[in-house]
PDB file of N, CA and C in Angstrom:
ATOM      1  N   MET A   1      -4.059 -13.630   7.431  1.00  0.00           N
ATOM      2  CA  MET A   1      -3.252 -13.592   6.117  1.00  0.00           C
ATOM      3  C   MET A   1      -2.736 -14.911   5.940  1.00  0.00           C
ATOM      4  N   ASP A   2      -2.691 -15.524   4.558  1.00  0.00           N
ATOM      5  CA  ASP A   2      -1.997 -16.766   4.278  1.00  0.00           C
ATOM      6  C   ASP A   2      -1.054 -16.515   3.136  1.00  0.00           C
ATOM      7  N   ALA A   3      -0.464 -17.598   2.833  1.00  0.00           N
ATOM      8  CA  ALA A   3       0.787 -17.587   1.875  1.00  0.00           C
ATOM      9  C   ALA A   3       0.137 -17.109   0.584  1.00  0.00           C
ATOM     10  N   LYS A   4      -1.125 -17.650   0.387  1.00  0.00           N
ATOM     11  CA  LYS A   4      -1.663 -17.481  -1.034  1.00  0.00           C
ATOM     12  C   LYS A   4      -1.977 -16.028  -1.308  1.00  0.00           C
ATOM     13  N   SER A   5      -2.657 -15.371  -0.339  1.00  0.00           N
ATOM     14  CA  SER A   5      -3.121 -14.003  -0.358  1.00  0.00           C
ATOM     15  C   SER A   5      -1.752 -13.042  -0.403  1.00  0.00           C
ATOM     16  N   THR A   6      -0.606 -13.449   0.322  1.00  0.00           N
ATOM     17  CA  THR A   6       0.562 -12.714   0.380  1.00  0.00           C
ATOM     18  C   THR A   6       1.203 -12.787  -0.989  1.00  0.00           C
ATOM     19  N   ILE A   7       1.237 -13.939  -1.546  1.00  0.00           N
ATOM     20  CA  ILE A   7       1.701 -14.025  -2.820  1.00  0.00           C
ATOM     21  C   ILE A   7       0.917 -13.224  -3.989  1.00  0.00           C
ATOM     22  N   ALA A   8      -0.383 -13.259  -3.787  1.00  0.00           N
ATOM     23  CA  ALA A   8      -1.142 -12.343  -4.795  1.00  0.00           C
ATOM     24  C   ALA A   8      -0.880 -10.966  -4.643  1.00  0.00           C
ATOM     25  N   ALA A   9      -0.798 -10.444  -3.325  1.00  0.00           N
ATOM     26  CA  ALA A   9      -0.413  -8.964  -3.114  1.00  0.00           C
ATOM     27  C   ALA A   9       1.078  -8.702  -3.723  1.00  0.00           C
ATOM     28  N   LEU A  10       2.014  -9.582  -3.500  1.00  0.00           N
ATOM     29  CA  LEU A  10       3.341  -9.320  -3.964  1.00  0.00           C
ATOM     30  C   LEU A  10       3.463  -9.293  -5.442  1.00  0.00           C
ATOM     31  N   ALA A  11       2.666 -10.254  -5.986  1.00  0.00           N
ATOM     32  CA  ALA A  11       2.831 -10.223  -7.426  1.00  0.00           C
ATOM     33  C   ALA A  11       2.038  -9.159  -8.191  1.00  0.00           C
ATOM     34  N   ALA A  12       0.970  -8.622  -7.493  1.00  0.00           N
ATOM     35  CA  ALA A  12       0.241  -7.357  -7.836  1.00  0.00           C
ATOM     36  C   ALA A  12       1.282  -6.313  -7.849  1.00  0.00           C
ATOM     37  N   LEU A  13       2.021  -6.187  -6.852  1.00  0.00           N
ATOM     38  CA  LEU A  13       2.969  -4.984  -6.699  1.00  0.00           C
ATOM     39  C   LEU A  13       4.342  -5.226  -7.512  1.00  0.00           C
ATOM     40  N   ALA A  14       4.468  -6.397  -8.126  1.00  0.00           N
ATOM     41  CA  ALA A  14       5.569  -6.592  -8.786  1.00  0.00           C
ATOM     42  C   ALA A  14       5.616  -6.222 -10.277  1.00  0.00           C
ATOM     43  N   GLN A  15       4.948  -5.046 -10.493  1.00  0.00           N
ATOM     44  CA  GLN A  15       5.020  -4.390 -11.837  1.00  0.00           C
ATOM     45  C   GLN A  15       4.931  -2.828 -11.542  1.00  0.00           C
ATOM     46  N   PRO A  16       5.866  -2.267 -12.346  1.00  0.00           N
ATOM     47  CA  PRO A  16       6.109  -0.778 -12.079  1.00  0.00           C
ATOM     48  C   PRO A  16       4.869   0.142 -11.882  1.00  0.00           C
ATOM     49  N   THR A  17       4.101  -0.009 -12.922  1.00  0.00           N
ATOM     50  CA  THR A  17       2.828   0.961 -12.967  1.00  0.00           C
ATOM     51  C   THR A  17       1.841   0.663 -11.688  1.00  0.00           C
ATOM     52  N   ARG A  18       1.618  -0.752 -11.396  1.00  0.00           N
ATOM     53  CA  ARG A  18       0.835  -1.013 -10.270  1.00  0.00           C
ATOM     54  C   ARG A  18       1.592  -0.516  -9.000  1.00  0.00           C
ATOM     55  N   LEU A  19       2.914  -0.640  -8.814  1.00  0.00           N
ATOM     56  CA  LEU A  19       3.556  -0.271  -7.575  1.00  0.00           C
ATOM     57  C   LEU A  19       3.555   1.225  -7.551  1.00  0.00           C
ATOM     58  N   GLN A  20       3.614   1.989  -8.578  1.00  0.00           N
ATOM     59  CA  GLN A  20       3.509   3.499  -8.632  1.00  0.00           C
ATOM     60  C   GLN A  20       2.070   3.840  -8.346  1.00  0.00           C
ATOM     61  N   THR A  21       1.159   3.073  -8.781  1.00  0.00           N
ATOM     62  CA  THR A  21      -0.409   3.503  -8.551  1.00  0.00           C
ATOM     63  C   THR A  21      -0.667   3.212  -6.949  1.00  0.00           C
ATOM     64  N   PHE A  22      -0.144   2.188  -6.373  1.00  0.00           N
ATOM     65  CA  PHE A  22      -0.278   1.772  -5.031  1.00  0.00           C
ATOM     66  C   PHE A  22       0.298   2.965  -4.218  1.00  0.00           C
ATOM     67  N   ARG A  23       1.527   3.276  -4.350  1.00  0.00           N
ATOM     68  CA  ARG A  23       2.256   4.411  -3.768  1.00  0.00           C
ATOM     69  C   ARG A  23       1.476   5.716  -3.698  1.00  0.00           C
ATOM     70  N   LEU A  24       0.995   6.037  -4.883  1.00  0.00           N
ATOM     71  CA  LEU A  24       0.241   7.331  -5.107  1.00  0.00           C
ATOM     72  C   LEU A  24      -1.001   7.210  -4.292  1.00  0.00           C
ATOM     73  N   LEU A  25      -1.631   6.056  -4.257  1.00  0.00           N
ATOM     74  CA  LEU A  25      -2.856   6.009  -3.385  1.00  0.00           C
ATOM     75  C   LEU A  25      -2.613   6.224  -1.989  1.00  0.00           C
ATOM     76  N   VAL A  26      -1.465   5.358  -1.427  1.00  0.00           N
ATOM     77  CA  VAL A  26      -1.040   5.596  -0.102  1.00  0.00           C
ATOM     78  C   VAL A  26      -0.772   7.025   0.316  1.00  0.00           C
ATOM     79  N   ALA A  27      -0.271   7.703  -0.765  1.00  0.00           N
ATOM     80  CA  ALA A  27       0.038   9.240  -0.411  1.00  0.00           C
ATOM     81  C   ALA A  27      -1.102  10.031  -0.392  1.00  0.00           C
ATOM     82  N   HIS A  28      -2.250   9.516  -0.858  1.00  0.00           N
ATOM     83  CA  HIS A  28      -3.506  10.250  -0.883  1.00  0.00           C
ATOM     84  C   HIS A  28      -4.554   9.740   0.054  1.00  0.00           C
ATOM     85  N   GLU A  29      -4.149   8.947   1.136  1.00  0.00           N
ATOM     86  CA  GLU A  29      -4.963   8.502   1.987  1.00  0.00           C
ATOM     87  C   GLU A  29      -5.468   9.667   2.833  1.00  0.00           C
ATOM     88  N   PRO A  30      -6.658   9.743   3.281  1.00  0.00           N
ATOM     89  CA  PRO A  30      -7.844   8.697   3.190  1.00  0.00           C
ATOM     90  C   PRO A  30      -8.711   9.196   1.975  1.00  0.00           C
ATOM     91  N   GLU A  31      -8.492  10.321   1.459  1.00  0.00           N
ATOM     92  CA  GLU A  31      -9.305  10.867   0.283  1.00  0.00           C
ATOM     93  C   GLU A  31      -9.567   9.969  -0.806  1.00  0.00           C
ATOM     94  N   GLY A  32      -8.346   9.291  -1.326  1.00  0.00           N
ATOM     95  CA  GLY A  32      -8.364   8.448  -2.512  1.00  0.00           C
ATOM     96  C   GLY A  32      -8.280   9.407  -3.790  1.00  0.00           C
ATOM     97  N   ILE A  33      -8.345   8.773  -4.974  1.00  0.00           N
ATOM     98  CA  ILE A  33      -8.307   9.528  -6.159  1.00  0.00           C
ATOM     99  C   ILE A  33      -9.035   8.843  -7.171  1.00  0.00           C
ATOM    100  N   PRO A  34      -9.681   9.485  -8.167  1.00  0.00           N
ATOM    101  CA  PRO A  34     -10.597   8.901  -9.052  1.00  0.00           C
ATOM    102  C   PRO A  34      -9.760   8.153 -10.030  1.00  0.00           C
ATOM    103  N   ALA A  35     -10.183   7.265 -10.693  1.00  0.00           N
ATOM    104  CA  ALA A  35      -9.630   6.303 -11.656  1.00  0.00           C
ATOM    105  C   ALA A  35      -8.961   7.145 -12.768  1.00  0.00           C
ATOM    106  N   GLY A  36      -9.764   7.975 -13.497  1.00  0.00           N
ATOM    107  CA  GLY A  36      -9.268   8.892 -14.507  1.00  0.00           C
ATOM    108  C   GLY A  36      -8.108   9.801 -14.085  1.00  0.00           C
ATOM    109  N   GLU A  37      -8.320  10.507 -12.932  1.00  0.00           N
ATOM    110  CA  GLU A  37      -7.095  11.072 -12.399  1.00  0.00           C
ATOM    111  C   GLU A  37      -5.824  10.421 -12.116  1.00  0.00           C
ATOM    112  N   LEU A  38      -6.026   9.185 -11.623  1.00  0.00           N
ATOM    113  CA  LEU A  38      -4.731   8.262 -11.455  1.00  0.00           C
ATOM    114  C   LEU A  38      -4.147   7.803 -12.904  1.00  0.00           C
ATOM    115  N   ALA A  39      -4.852   7.671 -13.826  1.00  0.00           N
ATOM    116  CA  ALA A  39      -4.287   7.328 -15.216  1.00  0.00           C
ATOM    117  C   ALA A  39      -3.572   8.615 -15.682  1.00  0.00           C
ATOM    118  N   ARG A  40      -4.150   9.800 -15.574  1.00  0.00           N
ATOM    119  CA  ARG A  40      -3.611  11.086 -15.913  1.00  0.00           C
ATOM    120  C   ARG A  40      -2.199  11.317 -14.970  1.00  0.00           C
ATOM    121  N   LEU A  41      -2.242  11.213 -13.847  1.00  0.00           N
ATOM    122  CA  LEU A  41      -1.015  11.325 -13.148  1.00  0.00           C
ATOM    123  C   LEU A  41       0.005  10.542 -13.293  1.00  0.00           C
ATOM    124  N   ILE A  42      -0.336   9.233 -13.627  1.00  0.00           N
ATOM    125  CA  ILE A  42       0.871   8.116 -13.964  1.00  0.00           C
ATOM    126  C   ILE A  42       1.162   8.234 -15.452  1.00  0.00           C
ATOM    127  N   GLY A  43       0.200   8.807 -16.218  1.00  0.00           N
ATOM    128  CA  GLY A  43       0.497   8.846 -17.701  1.00  0.00           C
ATOM    129  C   GLY A  43       0.271   7.812 -18.490  1.00  0.00           C
ATOM    130  N   VAL A  44      -0.763   6.976 -18.151  1.00  0.00           N
ATOM    131  CA  VAL A  44      -1.114   5.620 -18.980  1.00  0.00           C
ATOM    132  C   VAL A  44      -2.627   5.919 -19.366  1.00  0.00           C
ATOM    133  N   PRO A  45      -3.042   5.239 -20.515  1.00  0.00           N
ATOM    134  CA  PRO A  45      -4.413   5.107 -20.994  1.00  0.00           C
ATOM    135  C   PRO A  45      -5.400   4.765 -19.769  1.00  0.00           C
ATOM    136  N   GLN A  46      -6.564   5.252 -19.798  1.00  0.00           N
ATOM    137  CA  GLN A  46      -7.554   4.829 -18.665  1.00  0.00           C
ATOM    138  C   GLN A  46      -7.897   3.302 -18.714  1.00  0.00           C
ATOM    139  N   ASN A  47      -7.841   2.862 -20.026  1.00  0.00           N
ATOM    140  CA  ASN A  47      -8.080   1.350 -20.070  1.00  0.00           C
ATOM    141  C   ASN A  47      -6.919   0.535 -19.590  1.00  0.00           C
ATOM    142  N   THR A  48      -5.779   0.942 -19.667  1.00  0.00           N
ATOM    143  CA  THR A  48      -4.724   0.418 -18.922  1.00  0.00           C
ATOM    144  C   THR A  48      -4.617   0.512 -17.465  1.00  0.00           C
ATOM    145  N   MET A  49      -4.936   1.742 -17.102  1.00  0.00           N
ATOM    146  CA  MET A  49      -5.200   2.086 -15.564  1.00  0.00           C
ATOM    147  C   MET A  49      -6.210   0.960 -14.858  1.00  0.00           C
ATOM    148  N   SER A  50      -7.361   0.862 -15.806  1.00  0.00           N
ATOM    149  CA  SER A  50      -8.387  -0.011 -15.266  1.00  0.00           C
ATOM    150  C   SER A  50      -8.040  -1.474 -15.014  1.00  0.00           C
ATOM    151  N   ALA A  51      -7.051  -1.887 -15.932  1.00  0.00           N
ATOM    152  CA  ALA A  51      -6.628  -3.217 -15.783  1.00  0.00           C
ATOM    153  C   ALA A  51      -5.710  -3.457 -14.526  1.00  0.00           C
ATOM    154  N   HIS A  52      -4.876  -2.326 -14.432  1.00  0.00           N
ATOM    155  CA  HIS A  52      -3.962  -2.421 -13.147  1.00  0.00           C
ATOM    156  C   HIS A  52      -4.759  -2.321 -11.984  1.00  0.00           C
ATOM    157  N   LEU A  53      -5.596  -1.371 -11.763  1.00  0.00           N
ATOM    158  CA  LEU A  53      -6.616  -1.347 -10.600  1.00  0.00           C
ATOM    159  C   LEU A  53      -7.361  -2.616 -10.364  1.00  0.00           C
ATOM    160  N   SER A  54      -7.780  -3.208 -11.427  1.00  0.00           N
ATOM    161  CA  SER A  54      -8.478  -4.565 -11.190  1.00  0.00           C
ATOM    162  C   SER A  54      -7.487  -5.699 -10.534  1.00  0.00           C
ATOM    163  N   THR A  55      -6.290  -5.668 -11.021  1.00  0.00           N
ATOM    164  CA  THR A  55      -5.251  -6.574 -10.438  1.00  0.00           C
ATOM    165  C   THR A  55      -5.047  -6.239  -9.067  1.00  0.00           C
ATOM    166  N   LEU A  56      -4.860  -4.851  -8.702  1.00  0.00           N
ATOM    167  CA  LEU A  56      -4.514  -4.505  -7.410  1.00  0.00           C
ATOM    168  C   LEU A  56      -5.809  -4.739  -6.442  1.00  0.00           C
ATOM    169  N   SER A  57      -6.940  -4.541  -7.005  1.00  0.00           N
ATOM    170  CA  SER A  57      -8.253  -4.832  -6.241  1.00  0.00           C
ATOM    171  C   SER A  57      -8.439  -6.360  -5.934  1.00  0.00           C
ATOM    172  N   GLN A  58      -8.162  -7.156  -7.033  1.00  0.00           N
ATOM    173  CA  GLN A  58      -8.176  -8.619  -6.639  1.00  0.00           C
ATOM    174  C   GLN A  58      -7.232  -9.080  -5.719  1.00  0.00           C
ATOM    175  N   ALA A  59      -6.203  -8.390  -5.467  1.00  0.00           N
ATOM    176  CA  ALA A  59      -5.111  -8.845  -4.407  1.00  0.00           C
ATOM    177  C   ALA A  59      -5.505  -8.183  -3.107  1.00  0.00           C
ATOM    178  N   GLY A  60      -6.671  -7.383  -3.022  1.00  0.00           N
ATOM    179  CA  GLY A  60      -6.976  -6.910  -1.912  1.00  0.00           C
ATOM    180  C   GLY A  60      -6.363  -5.515  -1.417  1.00  0.00           C
ATOM    181  N   LEU A  61      -5.402  -5.037  -2.362  1.00  0.00           N
ATOM    182  CA  LEU A  61      -4.448  -3.771  -1.959  1.00  0.00           C
ATOM    183  C   LEU A  61      -5.271  -2.403  -2.062  1.00  0.00           C
ATOM    184  N   VAL A  62      -6.346  -2.470  -2.992  1.00  0.00           N
ATOM    185  CA  VAL A  62      -7.142  -1.238  -3.231  1.00  0.00           C
ATOM    186  C   VAL A  62      -8.592  -1.547  -3.214  1.00  0.00           C
ATOM    187  N   THR A  63      -9.312  -0.493  -2.876  1.00  0.00           N
ATOM    188  CA  THR A  63     -10.855  -0.537  -2.801  1.00  0.00           C
ATOM    189  C   THR A  63     -11.315   0.493  -3.751  1.00  0.00           C
ATOM    190  N   GLY A  64     -12.442   0.363  -4.406  1.00  0.00           N
ATOM    191  CA  GLY A  64     -12.970   1.298  -5.163  1.00  0.00           C
ATOM    192  C   GLY A  64     -14.469   1.596  -4.722  1.00  0.00           C
ATOM    193  N   GLU A  65     -14.784   3.015  -4.693  1.00  0.00           N
ATOM    194  CA  GLU A  65     -16.166   3.357  -4.323  1.00  0.00           C
ATOM    195  C   GLU A  65     -16.741   4.295  -5.216  1.00  0.00           C
ATOM    196  N   ARG A  66     -17.849   3.845  -5.848  1.00  0.00           N
ATOM    197  CA  ARG A  66     -18.625   4.768  -6.909  1.00  0.00           C
ATOM    198  C   ARG A  66     -19.215   5.975  -6.174  1.00  0.00           C
ATOM    199  N   GLN A  67     -18.765   7.053  -6.833  1.00  0.00           N
ATOM    200  CA  GLN A  67     -19.388   8.285  -6.527  1.00  0.00           C
ATOM    201  C   GLN A  67     -19.755   9.071  -7.542  1.00  0.00           C
ATOM    202  N   SER A  68     -21.079   9.055  -7.921  1.00  0.00           N
ATOM    203  CA  SER A  68     -21.697   9.631  -9.151  1.00  0.00           C
ATOM    204  C   SER A  68     -21.095   8.922 -10.156  1.00  0.00           C
ATOM    205  N   ARG A  69     -20.406   9.655 -11.180  1.00  0.00           N
ATOM    206  CA  ARG A  69     -19.945   8.845 -12.366  1.00  0.00           C
ATOM    207  C   ARG A  69     -18.449   8.362 -12.340  1.00  0.00           C
ATOM    208  N   SER A  70     -17.868   8.571 -11.121  1.00  0.00           N
ATOM    209  CA  SER A  70     -16.482   8.184 -10.906  1.00  0.00           C
ATOM    210  C   SER A  70     -16.363   7.055  -9.927  1.00  0.00           C
ATOM    211  N   ILE A  71     -15.289   6.362 -10.063  1.00  0.00           N
ATOM    212  CA  ILE A  71     -14.981   5.410  -9.050  1.00  0.00           C
ATOM    213  C   ILE A  71     -13.675   6.022  -8.226  1.00  0.00           C
ATOM    214  N   ILE A  72     -13.741   6.197  -7.037  1.00  0.00           N
ATOM    215  CA  ILE A  72     -12.552   6.745  -6.117  1.00  0.00           C
ATOM    216  C   ILE A  72     -11.836   5.442  -5.431  1.00  0.00           C
ATOM    217  N   TYR A  73     -10.535   5.490  -5.929  1.00  0.00           N
ATOM    218  CA  TYR A  73      -9.785   4.312  -5.384  1.00  0.00           C
ATOM    219  C   TYR A  73      -8.954   4.895  -4.010  1.00  0.00           C
ATOM    220  N   ARG A  74      -8.798   3.719  -3.341  1.00  0.00           N
ATOM    221  CA  ARG A  74      -8.058   4.011  -2.125  1.00  0.00           C
ATOM    222  C   ARG A  74      -7.225   2.693  -1.725  1.00  0.00           C
ATOM    223  N   ALA A  75      -6.086   3.132  -1.044  1.00  0.00           N
ATOM    224  CA  ALA A  75      -5.301   1.997  -0.645  1.00  0.00           C
ATOM    225  C   ALA A  75      -6.040   1.376   0.390  1.00  0.00           C
ATOM    226  N   ASP A  76      -5.807  -0.102   0.514  1.00  0.00           N
ATOM    227  CA  ASP A  76      -6.377  -0.738   1.584  1.00  0.00           C
ATOM    228  C   ASP A  76      -5.121  -1.048   2.626  1.00  0.00           C
ATOM    229  N   LEU A  77      -4.834   0.003   3.365  1.00  0.00           N
ATOM    230  CA  LEU A  77      -3.764  -0.179   4.292  1.00  0.00           C
ATOM    231  C   LEU A  77      -3.739  -1.310   5.479  1.00  0.00           C
ATOM    232  N   ASN A  78      -4.954  -1.792   5.679  1.00  0.00           N
ATOM    233  CA  ASN A  78      -5.094  -2.807   6.687  1.00  0.00           C
ATOM    234  C   ASN A  78      -4.554  -4.134   5.875  1.00  0.00           C
ATOM    235  N   GLN A  79      -4.793  -4.336   4.621  1.00  0.00           N
ATOM    236  CA  GLN A  79      -4.429  -5.452   3.978  1.00  0.00           C
ATOM    237  C   GLN A  79      -2.886  -5.385   3.640  1.00  0.00           C
ATOM    238  N   PHE A  80      -2.341  -4.111   3.459  1.00  0.00           N
ATOM    239  CA  PHE A  80      -1.058  -3.992   3.139  1.00  0.00           C
ATOM    240  C   PHE A  80      -0.261  -4.352   4.519  1.00  0.00           C
ATOM    241  N   ARG A  81      -0.780  -3.872   5.632  1.00  0.00           N
ATOM    242  CA  ARG A  81      -0.218  -4.189   6.863  1.00  0.00           C
ATOM    243  C   ARG A  81      -0.242  -5.539   7.200  1.00  0.00           C
ATOM    244  N   ALA A  82      -1.280  -6.446   6.776  1.00  0.00           N
ATOM    245  CA  ALA A  82      -1.357  -7.845   6.933  1.00  0.00           C
ATOM    246  C   ALA A  82      -0.251  -8.558   6.145  1.00  0.00           C
ATOM    247  N   VAL A  83      -0.140  -7.986   4.899  1.00  0.00           N
ATOM    248  CA  VAL A  83       0.983  -8.621   4.065  1.00  0.00           C
ATOM    249  C   VAL A  83       2.260  -8.574   4.645  1.00  0.00           C
ATOM    250  N   ALA A  84       2.577  -7.251   5.263  1.00  0.00           N
ATOM    251  CA  ALA A  84       3.975  -6.829   5.836  1.00  0.00           C
ATOM    252  C   ALA A  84       4.115  -7.724   7.025  1.00  0.00           C
ATOM    253  N   LEU A  85       3.039  -7.875   7.907  1.00  0.00           N
ATOM    254  CA  LEU A  85       3.376  -8.589   9.133  1.00  0.00           C
ATOM    255  C   LEU A  85       3.505 -10.215   8.703  1.00  0.00           C
ATOM    256  N   TYR A  86       2.791 -10.609   7.696  1.00  0.00           N
ATOM    257  CA  TYR A  86       3.064 -12.074   7.470  1.00  0.00           C
ATOM    258  C   TYR A  86       4.395 -12.317   7.091  1.00  0.00           C
ATOM    259  N   LEU A  87       4.986 -11.325   6.316  1.00  0.00           N
ATOM    260  CA  LEU A  87       6.407 -11.520   5.871  1.00  0.00           C
ATOM    261  C   LEU A  87       7.280 -11.554   7.217  1.00  0.00           C
ATOM    262  N   LEU A  88       7.057 -10.570   7.984  1.00  0.00           N
ATOM    263  CA  LEU A  88       7.935 -10.355   9.171  1.00  0.00           C
ATOM    264  C   LEU A  88       7.676 -11.314  10.344  1.00  0.00           C
ATOM    265  N   LYS A  89       6.532 -12.030  10.593  1.00  0.00           N
ATOM    266  CA  LYS A  89       6.497 -12.864  11.743  1.00  0.00           C
ATOM    267  C   LYS A  89       7.358 -13.940  11.442  1.00  0.00           C
ATOM    268  N   ASP A  90       8.081 -14.458  12.383  1.00  0.00           N
ATOM    269  CA  ASP A  90       8.969 -15.484  12.505  1.00  0.00           C
ATOM    270  C   ASP A  90      10.083 -15.351  11.344  1.00  0.00           C
ATOM    271  N   CYS A  91      10.360 -14.205  10.958  1.00  0.00           N
ATOM    272  CA  CYS A  91      11.500 -13.864   9.977  1.00  0.00           C
ATOM    273  C   CYS A  91      12.769 -14.218  10.373  1.00  0.00           C
ATOM    274  N   CYS A  92      12.908 -13.936  11.609  1.00  0.00           N
ATOM    275  CA  CYS A  92      14.044 -14.197  12.240  1.00  0.00           C
ATOM    276  C   CYS A  92      14.400 -15.378  13.064  1.00  0.00           C
ATOM    277  N   GLY A  93      13.512 -16.507  12.905  1.00  0.00           N
ATOM    278  CA  GLY A  93      13.483 -17.720  13.802  1.00  0.00           C
ATOM    279  C   GLY A  93      13.477 -17.375  15.176  1.00  0.00           C
ATOM    280  N   GLY A  94      12.721 -16.342  15.637  1.00  0.00           N
ATOM    281  CA  GLY A  94      12.634 -16.133  17.029  1.00  0.00           C
ATOM    282  C   GLY A  94      13.866 -15.321  17.617  1.00  0.00           C
ATOM    283  N   ASN A  95      14.836 -15.182  16.827  1.00  0.00           N
ATOM    284  CA  ASN A  95      16.017 -14.391  17.310  1.00  0.00           C
ATOM    285  C   ASN A  95      15.639 -12.781  16.920  1.00  0.00           C
ATOM    286  N   VAL A  96      15.202 -12.119  17.987  1.00  0.00           N
ATOM    287  CA  VAL A  96      14.720 -10.692  17.761  1.00  0.00           C
ATOM    288  C   VAL A  96      15.860  -9.830  17.395  1.00  0.00           C
ATOM    289  N   SER A  97      17.075 -10.087  17.852  1.00  0.00           N
ATOM    290  CA  SER A  97      18.096  -9.106  17.385  1.00  0.00           C
ATOM    291  C   SER A  97      18.391  -9.050  15.994  1.00  0.00           C
ATOM    292  N   LEU A  98      18.095 -10.167  15.330  1.00  0.00           N
ATOM    293  CA  LEU A  98      18.262 -10.236  13.833  1.00  0.00           C
ATOM    294  C   LEU A  98      17.289  -9.206  13.119  1.00  0.00           C
ATOM    295  N   CYS A  99      15.975  -9.067  13.727  1.00  0.00           N
ATOM    296  CA  CYS A  99      15.114  -8.064  13.084  1.00  0.00           C
ATOM    297  C   CYS A  99      15.366  -6.644  13.644  1.00  0.00           C
ATOM    298  N   GLN A 100      15.967  -6.511  14.693  1.00  0.00           N
ATOM    299  CA  GLN A 100      16.104  -5.231  15.334  1.00  0.00           C
ATOM    300  C   GLN A 100      16.561  -3.931  14.435  1.00  0.00           C
ATOM    301  N   PRO A 101      17.430  -4.153  13.428  1.00  0.00           N
ATOM    302  CA  PRO A 101      17.838  -3.293  12.418  1.00  0.00           C
ATOM    303  C   PRO A 101      16.495  -2.752  11.461  1.00  0.00           C
ATOM    304  N   LEU A 102      15.605  -3.799  11.161  1.00  0.00           N
ATOM    305  CA  LEU A 102      14.435  -3.357  10.547  1.00  0.00           C
ATOM    306  C   LEU A 102      13.419  -2.700  11.334  1.00  0.00           C
ATOM    307  N   ILE A 103      13.294  -3.107  12.634  1.00  0.00           N
ATOM    308  CA  ILE A 103      12.431  -2.232  13.444  1.00  0.00           C
ATOM    309  C   ILE A 103      13.003  -0.878  13.688  1.00  0.00           C
ATOM    310  N   GLU A 104      14.258  -0.612  13.737  1.00  0.00           N
ATOM    311  CA  GLU A 104      14.925   0.620  13.950  1.00  0.00           C
ATOM    312  C   GLU A 104      14.574   1.459  12.553  1.00  0.00           C
ATOM    313  N   ASP A 105      14.705   0.916  11.498  1.00  0.00           N
ATOM    314  CA  ASP A 105      14.289   1.531  10.165  1.00  0.00           C
ATOM    315  C   ASP A 105      12.845   1.897  10.006  1.00  0.00           C
ATOM    316  N   LEU A 106      12.005   1.071  10.611  1.00  0.00           N
ATOM    317  CA  LEU A 106      10.618   1.382  10.514  1.00  0.00           C
ATOM    318  C   LEU A 106      10.160   2.489  11.508  1.00  0.00           C
ATOM    319  N   ALA A 107      11.075   2.666  12.610  1.00  0.00           N
ATOM    320  CA  ALA A 107      10.735   3.607  13.693  1.00  0.00           C
ATOM    321  C   ALA A 107      10.653   5.035  13.063  1.00  0.00           C
ATOM    322  N   CYS A 108      11.491   5.185  11.957  1.00  0.00           N
ATOM    323  CA  CYS A 108      11.514   6.505  11.593  1.00  0.00           C
ATOM    324  C   CYS A 108      10.354   6.917  10.729  1.00  0.00           C
ATOM    325  N   CYS A 109       9.453   6.066  10.599  1.00  0.00           N
ATOM    326  CA  CYS A 109       8.030   6.251   9.799  1.00  0.00           C
ATOM    327  C   CYS A 109       7.040   6.665  10.741  1.00  0.00           C
ATOM    328  N   THR A 110       7.331   6.372  12.093  1.00  0.00           N
ATOM    329  CA  THR A 110       6.175   6.690  13.168  1.00  0.00           C
ATOM    330  C   THR A 110       6.313   8.131  13.637  1.00  0.00           C
ATOM    331  N   PRO A 111       5.149   8.709  13.617  1.00  0.00           N
ATOM    332  CA  PRO A 111       5.318  10.224  14.293  1.00  0.00           C
ATOM    333  C   PRO A 111       5.632  10.130  15.690  1.00  0.00           C
ATOM    334  N   THR A 112       6.634  11.206  16.140  1.00  0.00           N
ATOM    335  CA  THR A 112       6.948  11.146  17.451  1.00  0.00           C
ATOM    336  C   THR A 112       6.259  12.472  18.116  1.00  0.00           C
ATOM    337  N   PRO A 113       5.876  12.376  19.214  1.00  0.00           N
ATOM    338  CA  PRO A 113       5.267  13.613  19.834  1.00  0.00           C
ATOM    339  C   PRO A 113       6.290  14.819  20.044  1.00  0.00           C
ATOM    340  N   SER A 114       5.738  16.004  19.617  1.00  0.00           N
ATOM    341  CA  SER A 114       6.903  17.038  19.625  1.00  0.00           C
ATOM    342  C   SER A 114       7.374  17.353  21.127  1.00  0.00           C
ATOM    343  N   LEU A 115       8.519  17.714  21.020  1.00  0.00           N
ATOM    344  CA  LEU A 115       9.197  17.898  22.388  1.00  0.00           C
ATOM    345  C   LEU A 115       9.097  19.526  22.510  1.00  0.00           C
ATOM    346  N   THR A 116       8.586  19.889  23.914  1.00  0.00           N
ATOM    347  CA  THR A 116       8.530  21.218  24.207  1.00  0.00           C
ATOM    348  C   THR A 116       9.839  21.696  24.993  1.00  0.00           C
ATOM    349  N   ARG A 117      10.191  22.775  24.530  1.00  0.00           N
ATOM    350  CA  ARG A 117      11.609  23.168  25.014  1.00  0.00           C
ATOM    351  C   ARG A 117      11.163  24.198  26.319  1.00  0.00           C
ATOM    352  N   PRO A 118      11.891  24.204  27.441  1.00  0.00           N
ATOM    353  CA  PRO A 118      11.594  25.146  28.488  1.00  0.00           C
ATOM    354  C   PRO A 118      11.917  26.635  27.947  1.00  0.00           C
ATOM    355  N   ASN A 119      11.240  27.502  28.635  1.00  0.00           N
ATOM    356  CA  ASN A 119      11.523  28.815  28.266  1.00  0.00           C
ATOM    357  C   ASN A 119      12.689  29.425  28.780  1.00  0.00           C
TER     358      ASN A 119
END
């Protein structure tokens, strides 16, 4: 990941409909959503959704796969992870304690093994 790619990804997400689209695609991983369904769910015309998906795709945040007459879009979570890591690396100038609150906030997103209680 480099600065140019990171800026492109952030610029693509810096628009309400595109951010909403990306979040919806993340929520529907790994099956994805057809472009027409995305437009319907978000409430925009299909040609508008197509333009937004093109921007997200050029930024590497979504991929499209043709299935019959539809294109199924999916969030590219590896690219999103690379953007986040690019932003976080050396964010604290080597002072890990400055990033600790962020790490703790992110920990709530990771699944934890279920604890079994003794009978």
